[in-house]
């Protein structure tokens, strides 16, 4: 198993598009990181960056705050990070 430039260890990645749902997002991220081997990419489109997530440095988690990007742009960017 190798580690790529984003620090990911697995071949599987879950991409979570989000908009202003921090509580649901925290629970989902905690579950995925604790009970699965999956990498997690969060695509946050909210107008205000979620400070708690930007400071959360956990292996297998990449948080992207992209408030002005379309869903297509956010998904393409997430794929380029894998």
PDB file of N, CA and C in Angstrom:
ATOM      1  N   UNK A   1       0.847  -1.161   0.000  1.00  0.00           N
ATOM      2  CA  UNK A   1       0.000   0.000   0.000  1.00  0.00           C
ATOM      3  C   UNK A   1       0.902   1.237   0.000  1.00  0.00           C
ATOM      4  N   UNK A   2       0.668   2.156  -0.940  1.00  0.00           N
ATOM      5  CA  UNK A   2       1.500   3.344  -1.021  1.00  0.00           C
ATOM      6  C   UNK A   2       0.736   4.586  -0.571  1.00  0.00           C
ATOM      7  N   UNK A   3       1.489   5.632  -0.285  1.00  0.00           N
ATOM      8  CA  UNK A   3       0.892   6.902   0.128  1.00  0.00           C
ATOM      9  C   UNK A   3       1.083   7.888  -1.007  1.00  0.00           C
ATOM     10  N   UNK A   4      -0.006   8.517  -1.474  1.00  0.00           N
ATOM     11  CA  UNK A   4       0.111   9.481  -2.560  1.00  0.00           C
ATOM     12  C   UNK A   4       0.324  10.894  -2.019  1.00  0.00           C
ATOM     13  N   UNK A   5       0.314  11.892  -2.906  1.00  0.00           N
ATOM     14  CA  UNK A   5       0.632  13.273  -2.517  1.00  0.00           C
ATOM     15  C   UNK A   5      -0.351  13.864  -1.510  1.00  0.00           C
ATOM     16  N   UNK A   6      -1.593  13.381  -1.471  1.00  0.00           N
ATOM     17  CA  UNK A   6      -2.568  13.891  -0.500  1.00  0.00           C
ATOM     18  C   UNK A   6      -2.471  13.166   0.837  1.00  0.00           C
ATOM     19  N   UNK A   7      -1.587  12.172   0.939  1.00  0.00           N
ATOM     20  CA  UNK A   7      -1.430  11.442   2.184  1.00  0.00           C
ATOM     21  C   UNK A   7      -2.389  10.271   2.316  1.00  0.00           C
ATOM     22  N   UNK A   8      -3.006   9.866   1.223  1.00  0.00           N
ATOM     23  CA  UNK A   8      -3.983   8.792   1.259  1.00  0.00           C
ATOM     24  C   UNK A   8      -3.293   7.436   1.237  1.00  0.00           C
ATOM     25  N   UNK A   9      -3.870   6.474   1.959  1.00  0.00           N
ATOM     26  CA  UNK A   9      -3.293   5.150   2.096  1.00  0.00           C
ATOM     27  C   UNK A   9      -4.084   4.071   1.358  1.00  0.00           C
ATOM     28  N   UNK A  10      -5.303   4.335   1.018  1.00  0.00           N
ATOM     29  CA  UNK A  10      -6.178   3.314   0.455  1.00  0.00           C
ATOM     30  C   UNK A  10      -6.444   3.593  -1.014  1.00  0.00           C
ATOM     31  N   UNK A  11      -6.961   2.588  -1.707  1.00  0.00           N
ATOM     32  CA  UNK A  11      -7.359   2.765  -3.101  1.00  0.00           C
ATOM     33  C   UNK A  11      -8.794   3.255  -3.209  1.00  0.00           C
ATOM     34  N   UNK A  12      -9.502   3.323  -2.097  1.00  0.00           N
ATOM     35  CA  UNK A  12     -10.906   3.740  -2.109  1.00  0.00           C
ATOM     36  C   UNK A  12     -11.053   5.117  -1.473  1.00  0.00           C
ATOM     37  N   UNK A  13     -11.827   5.978  -2.145  1.00  0.00           N
ATOM     38  CA  UNK A  13     -12.040   7.333  -1.645  1.00  0.00           C
ATOM     39  C   UNK A  13     -13.523   7.671  -1.696  1.00  0.00           C
ATOM     40  N   UNK A  14     -14.028   8.235  -0.605  1.00  0.00           N
ATOM     41  CA  UNK A  14     -15.410   8.707  -0.539  1.00  0.00           C
ATOM     42  C   UNK A  14     -15.365  10.221  -0.692  1.00  0.00           C
ATOM     43  N   UNK A  15     -16.136  10.748  -1.660  1.00  0.00           N
ATOM     44  CA  UNK A  15     -16.219  12.181  -1.877  1.00  0.00           C
ATOM     45  C   UNK A  15     -17.568  12.650  -1.339  1.00  0.00           C
ATOM     46  N   UNK A  16     -17.530  13.641  -0.438  1.00  0.00           N
ATOM     47  CA  UNK A  16     -18.756  14.135   0.195  1.00  0.00           C
ATOM     48  C   UNK A  16     -18.975  15.590  -0.203  1.00  0.00           C
ATOM     49  N   UNK A  17     -19.923  15.852  -1.114  1.00  0.00           N
ATOM     50  CA  UNK A  17     -20.276  17.250  -1.376  1.00  0.00           C
ATOM     51  C   UNK A  17     -21.140  17.759  -0.229  1.00  0.00           C
ATOM     52  N   UNK A  18     -20.883  18.977   0.217  1.00  0.00           N
ATOM     53  CA  UNK A  18     -21.608  19.494   1.367  1.00  0.00           C
ATOM     54  C   UNK A  18     -21.899  20.981   1.200  1.00  0.00           C
ATOM     55  N   UNK A  19     -22.988  21.408   1.820  1.00  0.00           N
ATOM     56  CA  UNK A  19     -23.333  22.825   1.851  1.00  0.00           C
ATOM     57  C   UNK A  19     -24.024  23.124   3.176  1.00  0.00           C
ATOM     58  N   UNK A  20     -23.301  23.764   4.068  1.00  0.00           N
ATOM     59  CA  UNK A  20     -23.848  24.228   5.354  1.00  0.00           C
ATOM     60  C   UNK A  20     -24.530  23.125   6.169  1.00  0.00           C
ATOM     61  N   UNK A  21     -23.865  21.979   6.315  1.00  0.00           N
ATOM     62  CA  UNK A  21     -24.385  20.891   7.146  1.00  0.00           C
ATOM     63  C   UNK A  21     -23.299  20.366   8.071  1.00  0.00           C
ATOM     64  N   UNK A  22     -22.728  21.213   8.917  1.00  0.00           N
ATOM     65  CA  UNK A  22     -21.573  20.774   9.705  1.00  0.00           C
ATOM     66  C   UNK A  22     -21.840  19.611  10.645  1.00  0.00           C
ATOM     67  N   UNK A  23     -22.978  19.585  11.335  1.00  0.00           N
ATOM     68  CA  UNK A  23     -23.224  18.490  12.286  1.00  0.00           C
ATOM     69  C   UNK A  23     -23.318  17.145  11.595  1.00  0.00           C
ATOM     70  N   UNK A  24     -24.051  17.085  10.526  1.00  0.00           N
ATOM     71  CA  UNK A  24     -24.159  15.840   9.758  1.00  0.00           C
ATOM     72  C   UNK A  24     -22.796  15.441   9.199  1.00  0.00           C
ATOM     73  N   UNK A  25     -22.058  16.431   8.762  1.00  0.00           N
ATOM     74  CA  UNK A  25     -20.745  16.189   8.178  1.00  0.00           C
ATOM     75  C   UNK A  25     -19.772  15.611   9.191  1.00  0.00           C
ATOM     76  N   UNK A  26     -19.731  16.167  10.401  1.00  0.00           N
ATOM     77  CA  UNK A  26     -18.837  15.643  11.441  1.00  0.00           C
ATOM     78  C   UNK A  26     -19.129  14.182  11.741  1.00  0.00           C
ATOM     79  N   UNK A  27     -20.392  13.843  11.885  1.00  0.00           N
ATOM     80  CA  UNK A  27     -20.760  12.454  12.179  1.00  0.00           C
ATOM     81  C   UNK A  27     -20.354  11.520  11.049  1.00  0.00           C
ATOM     82  N   UNK A  28     -20.576  11.946   9.830  1.00  0.00           N
ATOM     83  CA  UNK A  28     -20.230  11.119   8.671  1.00  0.00           C
ATOM     84  C   UNK A  28     -18.727  10.909   8.578  1.00  0.00           C
ATOM     85  N   UNK A  29     -17.967  11.974   8.743  1.00  0.00           N
ATOM     86  CA  UNK A  29     -16.504  11.877   8.680  1.00  0.00           C
ATOM     87  C   UNK A  29     -15.972  10.990   9.799  1.00  0.00           C
ATOM     88  N   UNK A  30     -16.455  11.207  11.009  1.00  0.00           N
ATOM     89  CA  UNK A  30     -16.002  10.380  12.134  1.00  0.00           C
ATOM     90  C   UNK A  30     -16.263   8.902  11.875  1.00  0.00           C
ATOM     91  N   UNK A  31     -17.452   8.590  11.375  1.00  0.00           N
ATOM     92  CA  UNK A  31     -17.789   7.193  11.104  1.00  0.00           C
ATOM     93  C   UNK A  31     -16.867   6.618  10.031  1.00  0.00           C
ATOM     94  N   UNK A  32     -16.730   7.324   8.922  1.00  0.00           N
ATOM     95  CA  UNK A  32     -15.914   6.809   7.826  1.00  0.00           C
ATOM     96  C   UNK A  32     -14.463   6.598   8.230  1.00  0.00           C
ATOM     97  N   UNK A  33     -13.904   7.543   8.985  1.00  0.00           N
ATOM     98  CA  UNK A  33     -12.500   7.417   9.370  1.00  0.00           C
ATOM     99  C   UNK A  33     -12.284   6.365  10.458  1.00  0.00           C
ATOM    100  N   UNK A  34     -13.278   6.159  11.295  1.00  0.00           N
ATOM    101  CA  UNK A  34     -13.110   5.191  12.376  1.00  0.00           C
ATOM    102  C   UNK A  34     -13.407   3.756  11.948  1.00  0.00           C
ATOM    103  N   UNK A  35     -14.422   3.566  11.106  1.00  0.00           N
ATOM    104  CA  UNK A  35     -14.891   2.211  10.823  1.00  0.00           C
ATOM    105  C   UNK A  35     -14.625   1.706   9.411  1.00  0.00           C
ATOM    106  N   UNK A  36     -13.995   2.508   8.571  1.00  0.00           N
ATOM    107  CA  UNK A  36     -13.695   2.049   7.213  1.00  0.00           C
ATOM    108  C   UNK A  36     -12.246   2.387   6.878  1.00  0.00           C
ATOM    109  N   UNK A  37     -11.698   1.743   5.862  1.00  0.00           N
ATOM    110  CA  UNK A  37     -10.343   2.097   5.428  1.00  0.00           C
ATOM    111  C   UNK A  37     -10.348   3.190   4.364  1.00  0.00           C
ATOM    112  N   UNK A  38     -11.499   3.789   4.098  1.00  0.00           N
ATOM    113  CA  UNK A  38     -11.646   4.733   2.995  1.00  0.00           C
ATOM    114  C   UNK A  38     -10.987   6.077   3.286  1.00  0.00           C
ATOM    115  N   UNK A  39     -10.502   6.718   2.228  1.00  0.00           N
ATOM    116  CA  UNK A  39     -10.083   8.111   2.275  1.00  0.00           C
ATOM    117  C   UNK A  39     -11.338   8.954   2.151  1.00  0.00           C
ATOM    118  N   UNK A  40     -11.315  10.169   2.679  1.00  0.00           N
ATOM    119  CA  UNK A  40     -12.485  11.039   2.644  1.00  0.00           C
ATOM    120  C   UNK A  40     -12.080  12.407   2.091  1.00  0.00           C
ATOM    121  N   UNK A  41     -12.805  12.846   1.064  1.00  0.00           N
ATOM    122  CA  UNK A  41     -12.645  14.194   0.538  1.00  0.00           C
ATOM    123  C   UNK A  41     -13.960  14.919   0.756  1.00  0.00           C
ATOM    124  N   UNK A  42     -13.907  16.065   1.433  1.00  0.00           N
ATOM    125  CA  UNK A  42     -15.100  16.881   1.670  1.00  0.00           C
ATOM    126  C   UNK A  42     -15.045  18.078   0.731  1.00  0.00           C
ATOM    127  N   UNK A  43     -16.091  18.244  -0.071  1.00  0.00           N
ATOM    128  CA  UNK A  43     -16.215  19.384  -0.976  1.00  0.00           C
ATOM    129  C   UNK A  43     -17.240  20.338  -0.386  1.00  0.00           C
ATOM    130  N   UNK A  44     -16.776  21.359   0.291  1.00  0.00           N
ATOM    131  CA  UNK A  44     -17.658  22.280   0.999  1.00  0.00           C
ATOM    132  C   UNK A  44     -17.957  23.499   0.134  1.00  0.00           C
ATOM    133  N   UNK A  45     -19.233  23.704  -0.182  1.00  0.00           N
ATOM    134  CA  UNK A  45     -19.648  24.829  -1.016  1.00  0.00           C
ATOM    135  C   UNK A  45     -20.268  25.955  -0.205  1.00  0.00           C
ATOM    136  N   UNK A  46     -20.258  25.857   1.114  1.00  0.00           N
ATOM    137  CA  UNK A  46     -20.865  26.908   1.934  1.00  0.00           C
ATOM    138  C   UNK A  46     -20.074  28.203   1.775  1.00  0.00           C
ATOM    139  N   UNK A  47     -20.737  29.322   2.003  1.00  0.00           N
ATOM    140  CA  UNK A  47     -20.086  30.613   1.818  1.00  0.00           C
ATOM    141  C   UNK A  47     -19.042  30.902   2.888  1.00  0.00           C
ATOM    142  N   UNK A  48     -19.172  30.290   4.044  1.00  0.00           N
ATOM    143  CA  UNK A  48     -18.210  30.463   5.124  1.00  0.00           C
ATOM    144  C   UNK A  48     -17.484  29.141   5.335  1.00  0.00           C
ATOM    145  N   UNK A  49     -16.168  29.192   5.302  1.00  0.00           N
ATOM    146  CA  UNK A  49     -15.374  27.988   5.513  1.00  0.00           C
ATOM    147  C   UNK A  49     -15.627  27.433   6.910  1.00  0.00           C
ATOM    148  N   UNK A  50     -15.715  26.126   7.005  1.00  0.00           N
ATOM    149  CA  UNK A  50     -15.920  25.481   8.291  1.00  0.00           C
ATOM    150  C   UNK A  50     -14.568  25.398   8.997  1.00  0.00           C
ATOM    151  N   UNK A  51     -14.327  26.340   9.888  1.00  0.00           N
ATOM    152  CA  UNK A  51     -13.026  26.462  10.545  1.00  0.00           C
ATOM    153  C   UNK A  51     -12.616  25.181  11.256  1.00  0.00           C
ATOM    154  N   UNK A  52     -13.570  24.518  11.880  1.00  0.00           N
ATOM    155  CA  UNK A  52     -13.262  23.267  12.595  1.00  0.00           C
ATOM    156  C   UNK A  52     -12.685  22.220  11.640  1.00  0.00           C
ATOM    157  N   UNK A  53     -13.253  22.130  10.447  1.00  0.00           N
ATOM    158  CA  UNK A  53     -12.758  21.138   9.497  1.00  0.00           C
ATOM    159  C   UNK A  53     -11.431  21.550   8.881  1.00  0.00           C
ATOM    160  N   UNK A  54     -11.221  22.839   8.647  1.00  0.00           N
ATOM    161  CA  UNK A  54      -9.948  23.260   8.067  1.00  0.00           C
ATOM    162  C   UNK A  54      -8.800  22.992   9.032  1.00  0.00           C
ATOM    163  N   UNK A  55      -9.079  23.000  10.332  1.00  0.00           N
ATOM    164  CA  UNK A  55      -8.053  22.741  11.336  1.00  0.00           C
ATOM    165  C   UNK A  55      -7.925  21.253  11.673  1.00  0.00           C
ATOM    166  N   UNK A  56      -8.834  20.455  11.170  1.00  0.00           N
ATOM    167  CA  UNK A  56      -8.833  19.027  11.467  1.00  0.00           C
ATOM    168  C   UNK A  56      -7.805  18.329  10.588  1.00  0.00           C
ATOM    169  N   UNK A  57      -6.699  17.984  11.173  1.00  0.00           N
ATOM    170  CA  UNK A  57      -5.646  17.307  10.429  1.00  0.00           C
ATOM    171  C   UNK A  57      -5.669  15.837  10.796  1.00  0.00           C
ATOM    172  N   UNK A  58      -6.327  15.085   9.949  1.00  0.00           N
ATOM    173  CA  UNK A  58      -6.410  13.649  10.190  1.00  0.00           C
ATOM    174  C   UNK A  58      -5.960  12.927   8.939  1.00  0.00           C
ATOM    175  N   UNK A  59      -5.249  11.827   9.129  1.00  0.00           N
ATOM    176  CA  UNK A  59      -4.877  11.043   7.954  1.00  0.00           C
ATOM    177  C   UNK A  59      -6.144  10.618   7.208  1.00  0.00           C
ATOM    178  N   UNK A  60      -6.052  10.552   5.927  1.00  0.00           N
ATOM    179  CA  UNK A  60      -7.143  10.093   5.056  1.00  0.00           C
ATOM    180  C   UNK A  60      -8.254  11.119   4.888  1.00  0.00           C
ATOM    181  N   UNK A  61      -8.079  12.377   5.346  1.00  0.00           N
ATOM    182  CA  UNK A  61      -9.115  13.399   5.193  1.00  0.00           C
ATOM    183  C   UNK A  61      -8.556  14.595   4.442  1.00  0.00           C
ATOM    184  N   UNK A  62      -9.276  15.008   3.408  1.00  0.00           N
ATOM    185  CA  UNK A  62      -8.931  16.209   2.670  1.00  0.00           C
ATOM    186  C   UNK A  62     -10.168  17.093   2.613  1.00  0.00           C
ATOM    187  N   UNK A  63     -10.059  18.312   3.142  1.00  0.00           N
ATOM    188  CA  UNK A  63     -11.177  19.260   3.174  1.00  0.00           C
ATOM    189  C   UNK A  63     -10.919  20.346   2.147  1.00  0.00           C
ATOM    190  N   UNK A  64     -11.846  20.505   1.185  1.00  0.00           N
ATOM    191  CA  UNK A  64     -11.720  21.518   0.146  1.00  0.00           C
ATOM    192  C   UNK A  64     -12.880  22.497   0.254  1.00  0.00           C
ATOM    193  N   UNK A  65     -12.569  23.749   0.560  1.00  0.00           N
ATOM    194  CA  UNK A  65     -13.600  24.782   0.631  1.00  0.00           C
ATOM    195  C   UNK A  65     -13.609  25.503  -0.714  1.00  0.00           C
ATOM    196  N   UNK A  66     -14.702  25.330  -1.456  1.00  0.00           N
ATOM    197  CA  UNK A  66     -14.815  25.885  -2.807  1.00  0.00           C
ATOM    198  C   UNK A  66     -16.189  26.543  -2.973  1.00  0.00           C
ATOM    199  N   UNK A  67     -16.410  27.709  -2.366  1.00  0.00           N
ATOM    200  CA  UNK A  67     -17.745  28.306  -2.338  1.00  0.00           C
ATOM    201  C   UNK A  67     -18.272  28.785  -3.685  1.00  0.00           C
ATOM    202  N   UNK A  68     -17.405  29.150  -4.603  1.00  0.00           N
ATOM    203  CA  UNK A  68     -17.874  29.707  -5.871  1.00  0.00           C
ATOM    204  C   UNK A  68     -17.807  28.722  -7.028  1.00  0.00           C
ATOM    205  N   UNK A  69     -17.465  27.502  -6.752  1.00  0.00           N
ATOM    206  CA  UNK A  69     -17.327  26.509  -7.811  1.00  0.00           C
ATOM    207  C   UNK A  69     -18.633  25.736  -8.001  1.00  0.00           C
ATOM    208  N   UNK A  70     -18.879  25.327  -9.221  1.00  0.00           N
ATOM    209  CA  UNK A  70     -20.043  24.488  -9.496  1.00  0.00           C
ATOM    210  C   UNK A  70     -19.768  23.078  -8.982  1.00  0.00           C
ATOM    211  N   UNK A  71     -20.789  22.267  -8.891  1.00  0.00           N
ATOM    212  CA  UNK A  71     -20.600  20.885  -8.433  1.00  0.00           C
ATOM    213  C   UNK A  71     -19.663  20.136  -9.381  1.00  0.00           C
ATOM    214  N   UNK A  72     -19.770  20.413 -10.670  1.00  0.00           N
ATOM    215  CA  UNK A  72     -18.883  19.759 -11.639  1.00  0.00           C
ATOM    216  C   UNK A  72     -17.427  20.140 -11.390  1.00  0.00           C
ATOM    217  N   UNK A  73     -17.167  21.431 -11.143  1.00  0.00           N
ATOM    218  CA  UNK A  73     -15.802  21.883 -10.871  1.00  0.00           C
ATOM    219  C   UNK A  73     -15.262  21.264  -9.592  1.00  0.00           C
ATOM    220  N   UNK A  74     -16.107  21.189  -8.568  1.00  0.00           N
ATOM    221  CA  UNK A  74     -15.663  20.599  -7.297  1.00  0.00           C
ATOM    222  C   UNK A  74     -15.350  19.125  -7.462  1.00  0.00           C
ATOM    223  N   UNK A  75     -16.200  18.399  -8.183  1.00  0.00           N
ATOM    224  CA  UNK A  75     -15.951  16.964  -8.390  1.00  0.00           C
ATOM    225  C   UNK A  75     -14.692  16.732  -9.222  1.00  0.00           C
ATOM    226  N   UNK A  76     -14.509  17.513 -10.264  1.00  0.00           N
ATOM    227  CA  UNK A  76     -13.281  17.374 -11.083  1.00  0.00           C
ATOM    228  C   UNK A  76     -12.041  17.659 -10.255  1.00  0.00           C
ATOM    229  N   UNK A  77     -12.105  18.668  -9.414  1.00  0.00           N
ATOM    230  CA  UNK A  77     -10.966  18.993  -8.562  1.00  0.00           C
ATOM    231  C   UNK A  77     -10.694  17.861  -7.572  1.00  0.00           C
ATOM    232  N   UNK A  78     -11.754  17.287  -7.004  1.00  0.00           N
ATOM    233  CA  UNK A  78     -11.555  16.187  -6.048  1.00  0.00           C
ATOM    234  C   UNK A  78     -10.908  14.989  -6.715  1.00  0.00           C
ATOM    235  N   UNK A  79     -11.304  14.698  -7.943  1.00  0.00           N
ATOM    236  CA  UNK A  79     -10.715  13.562  -8.671  1.00  0.00           C
ATOM    237  C   UNK A  79      -9.238  13.827  -8.938  1.00  0.00           C
ATOM    238  N   UNK A  80      -8.878  15.075  -9.204  1.00  0.00           N
ATOM    239  CA  UNK A  80      -7.474  15.390  -9.454  1.00  0.00           C
ATOM    240  C   UNK A  80      -6.620  15.242  -8.196  1.00  0.00           C
ATOM    241  N   UNK A  81      -7.256  15.240  -7.021  1.00  0.00           N
ATOM    242  CA  UNK A  81      -6.525  15.100  -5.742  1.00  0.00           C
ATOM    243  C   UNK A  81      -6.293  13.636  -5.374  1.00  0.00           C
ATOM    244  N   UNK A  82      -6.935  12.737  -6.060  1.00  0.00           N
ATOM    245  CA  UNK A  82      -6.824  11.315  -5.698  1.00  0.00           C
ATOM    246  C   UNK A  82      -5.569  10.728  -6.321  1.00  0.00           C
TER     247      UNK A  82
END
